[in-house]
Amino acid sequence: MTTSLSSSPSRPLSRSEYVSTLPLWRRLLAMVNWRPVYDIEQRTKQHELNLIASEKRMQESEKRLKLLKKENERLAELESRMDALLLNVDSSSQTPPATGSN
C-alpha cells in the first residue's frame, strides 16, 4: 500500500517533506547549495491568496455600504413623507371633518 503526497494537496508541504520527495541526487544538491526557493514560493502563494481574499472582502464591504446608503436615503424620504402626513393630519384634526352628505 503506497501513500502519495498528491492525495492531500490542501496542506502545504514543509521544507523537510518537500526535500524527502526529491531524488537522492537532488537531496544532496539541496543540502550543499540550499536556497529557500520553495519556502519563498509557498509564502508568496499564501500572501497572494490572503491579498485576494482581502480584496474580495473589501469589495463586499463596499457593496454593503452602498446598499446601506441607499436604504438610509429611502428611509429618510419615507420619514419626511410621514412627517408631512402627520402635519397634515394634525392641522385637519382642528377643524371638523367634512361630510359627503348635503
C-alpha atoms as a PDB file:
ATOM      1  CA  MET A   1       0.000   0.000   0.000  1.00  0.00           C
ATOM      2  CA  THR A   2       1.558   3.273  -1.089  1.00  0.00           C
ATOM      3  CA  THR A   3       0.646   6.726   0.025  1.00  0.00           C
ATOM      4  CA  SER A   4       1.188   9.656  -2.296  1.00  0.00           C
ATOM      5  CA  LEU A   5       1.587  13.254  -1.288  1.00  0.00           C
ATOM      6  CA  SER A   6      -0.795  14.292  -4.056  1.00  0.00           C
ATOM      7  CA  SER A   7      -3.711  12.841  -2.090  1.00  0.00           C
ATOM      8  CA  SER A   8      -3.646  15.812   0.321  1.00  0.00           C
ATOM      9  CA  PRO A   9      -2.904  18.952  -1.726  1.00  0.00           C
ATOM     10  CA  SER A  10      -4.755  21.218   0.683  1.00  0.00           C
ATOM     11  CA  ARG A  11      -1.879  21.306   3.178  1.00  0.00           C
ATOM     12  CA  PRO A  12       1.384  22.970   2.050  1.00  0.00           C
ATOM     13  CA  LEU A  13       4.471  20.820   2.421  1.00  0.00           C
ATOM     14  CA  SER A  14       7.141  21.720   4.920  1.00  0.00           C
ATOM     15  CA  ARG A  15      10.701  22.004   3.653  1.00  0.00           C
ATOM     16  CA  SER A  16      11.665  18.609   5.030  1.00  0.00           C
ATOM     17  CA  GLU A  17       8.626  16.970   3.421  1.00  0.00           C
ATOM     18  CA  TYR A  18       9.437  18.640   0.126  1.00  0.00           C
ATOM     19  CA  VAL A  19      13.074  17.556   0.239  1.00  0.00           C
ATOM     20  CA  SER A  20      12.035  13.987   1.049  1.00  0.00           C
ATOM     21  CA  THR A  21      10.093  13.857  -2.229  1.00  0.00           C
ATOM     22  CA  LEU A  22      13.199  14.704  -4.266  1.00  0.00           C
ATOM     23  CA  PRO A  23      15.513  12.114  -5.802  1.00  0.00           C
ATOM     24  CA  LEU A  24      18.685  11.338  -3.864  1.00  0.00           C
ATOM     25  CA  TRP A  25      20.990  13.370  -6.104  1.00  0.00           C
ATOM     26  CA  ARG A  26      18.686  16.387  -5.757  1.00  0.00           C
ATOM     27  CA  ARG A  27      18.575  15.984  -1.965  1.00  0.00           C
ATOM     28  CA  LEU A  28      22.371  16.085  -1.878  1.00  0.00           C
ATOM     29  CA  LEU A  29      22.379  19.224  -4.005  1.00  0.00           C
ATOM     30  CA  ALA A  30      19.768  20.718  -1.730  1.00  0.00           C
ATOM     31  CA  MET A  31      21.961  20.086   1.305  1.00  0.00           C
ATOM     32  CA  VAL A  32      25.065  21.514  -0.378  1.00  0.00           C
ATOM     33  CA  ASN A  33      23.514  24.524  -2.022  1.00  0.00           C
ATOM     34  CA  TRP A  34      20.128  25.003  -0.426  1.00  0.00           C
ATOM     35  CA  ARG A  35      18.181  28.044  -1.481  1.00  0.00           C
ATOM     36  CA  PRO A  36      14.855  28.787   0.163  1.00  0.00           C
ATOM     37  CA  VAL A  37      13.037  28.958  -3.179  1.00  0.00           C
ATOM     38  CA  TYR A  38      10.320  26.510  -2.215  1.00  0.00           C
ATOM     39  CA  ASP A  39       9.661  28.239   1.100  1.00  0.00           C
ATOM     40  CA  ILE A  40       9.577  31.627  -0.599  1.00  0.00           C
ATOM     41  CA  GLU A  41       7.189  30.316  -3.254  1.00  0.00           C
ATOM     42  CA  GLN A  42       4.873  28.921  -0.590  1.00  0.00           C
ATOM     43  CA  ARG A  43       4.913  32.136   1.431  1.00  0.00           C
ATOM     44  CA  THR A  44       4.351  34.187  -1.722  1.00  0.00           C
ATOM     45  CA  LYS A  45       1.446  31.983  -2.763  1.00  0.00           C
ATOM     46  CA  GLN A  46      -0.126  32.270   0.701  1.00  0.00           C
ATOM     47  CA  HIS A  47       0.407  36.034   0.673  1.00  0.00           C
ATOM     48  CA  GLU A  48      -1.269  36.308  -2.736  1.00  0.00           C
ATOM     49  CA  LEU A  49      -4.221  34.219  -1.540  1.00  0.00           C
ATOM     50  CA  ASN A  50      -4.558  36.430   1.536  1.00  0.00           C
ATOM     51  CA  LEU A  51      -4.395  39.534  -0.643  1.00  0.00           C
ATOM     52  CA  ILE A  52      -7.092  38.224  -2.997  1.00  0.00           C
ATOM     53  CA  ALA A  53      -9.322  37.311  -0.047  1.00  0.00           C
ATOM     54  CA  SER A  54      -8.763  40.746   1.469  1.00  0.00           C
ATOM     55  CA  GLU A  55      -9.675  42.487  -1.794  1.00  0.00           C
ATOM     56  CA  LYS A  56     -12.802  40.358  -2.080  1.00  0.00           C
ATOM     57  CA  ARG A  57     -13.842  41.268   1.474  1.00  0.00           C
ATOM     58  CA  MET A  58     -13.202  44.940   0.671  1.00  0.00           C
ATOM     59  CA  GLN A  59     -15.409  44.775  -2.437  1.00  0.00           C
ATOM     60  CA  GLU A  60     -18.178  43.053  -0.476  1.00  0.00           C
ATOM     61  CA  SER A  61     -17.928  45.714   2.232  1.00  0.00           C
ATOM     62  CA  GLU A  62     -18.189  48.470  -0.365  1.00  0.00           C
ATOM     63  CA  LYS A  63     -21.278  46.826  -1.872  1.00  0.00           C
ATOM     64  CA  ARG A  64     -22.900  46.557   1.567  1.00  0.00           C
ATOM     65  CA  LEU A  65     -22.035  50.181   2.289  1.00  0.00           C
ATOM     66  CA  LYS A  66     -23.668  51.335  -0.963  1.00  0.00           C
ATOM     67  CA  LEU A  67     -26.780  49.302  -0.175  1.00  0.00           C
ATOM     68  CA  LEU A  68     -26.953  50.763   3.326  1.00  0.00           C
ATOM     69  CA  LYS A  69     -26.598  54.303   1.979  1.00  0.00           C
ATOM     70  CA  LYS A  70     -29.427  53.709  -0.495  1.00  0.00           C
ATOM     71  CA  GLU A  71     -31.566  52.256   2.275  1.00  0.00           C
ATOM     72  CA  ASN A  72     -30.827  55.251   4.530  1.00  0.00           C
ATOM     73  CA  GLU A  73     -31.821  57.632   1.736  1.00  0.00           C
ATOM     74  CA  ARG A  74     -35.059  55.720   1.155  1.00  0.00           C
ATOM     75  CA  LEU A  75     -35.853  55.702   4.876  1.00  0.00           C
ATOM     76  CA  ALA A  76     -35.150  59.435   5.147  1.00  0.00           C
ATOM     77  CA  GLU A  77     -37.536  60.072   2.243  1.00  0.00           C
ATOM     78  CA  LEU A  78     -40.228  57.934   3.878  1.00  0.00           C
ATOM     79  CA  GLU A  79     -39.701  59.703   7.187  1.00  0.00           C
ATOM     80  CA  SER A  80     -40.149  63.110   5.562  1.00  0.00           C
ATOM     81  CA  ARG A  81     -43.358  61.886   3.899  1.00  0.00           C
ATOM     82  CA  MET A  82     -44.647  60.605   7.245  1.00  0.00           C
ATOM     83  CA  ASP A  83     -43.820  63.923   8.911  1.00  0.00           C
ATOM     84  CA  ALA A  84     -45.713  65.773   6.158  1.00  0.00           C
ATOM     85  CA  LEU A  85     -48.708  63.457   6.578  1.00  0.00           C
ATOM     86  CA  LEU A  86     -48.688  63.879  10.354  1.00  0.00           C
ATOM     87  CA  LEU A  87     -48.586  67.666   9.987  1.00  0.00           C
ATOM     88  CA  ASN A  88     -51.481  67.463   7.551  1.00  0.00           C
ATOM     89  CA  VAL A  89     -53.473  65.221   9.905  1.00  0.00           C
ATOM     90  CA  ASP A  90     -52.764  67.465  12.911  1.00  0.00           C
ATOM     91  CA  SER A  91     -53.861  70.604  11.074  1.00  0.00           C
ATOM     92  CA  SER A  92     -57.013  68.985   9.690  1.00  0.00           C
ATOM     93  CA  SER A  93     -57.998  67.490  13.057  1.00  0.00           C
ATOM     94  CA  GLN A  94     -58.557  71.000  14.479  1.00  0.00           C
ATOM     95  CA  THR A  95     -61.405  71.649  12.050  1.00  0.00           C
ATOM     96  CA  PRO A  96     -64.420  69.323  11.947  1.00  0.00           C
ATOM     97  CA  PRO A  97     -64.167  66.739   9.194  1.00  0.00           C
ATOM     98  CA  ALA A  98     -66.217  67.426   6.114  1.00  0.00           C
ATOM     99  CA  THR A  99     -69.051  65.021   5.417  1.00  0.00           C
ATOM    100  CA  GLY A 100     -70.042  63.800   1.983  1.00  0.00           C
ATOM    101  CA  SER A 101     -73.823  64.313   2.519  1.00  0.00           C
ATOM    102  CA  ASN A 102     -75.552  67.723   1.909  1.00  0.00           C
END
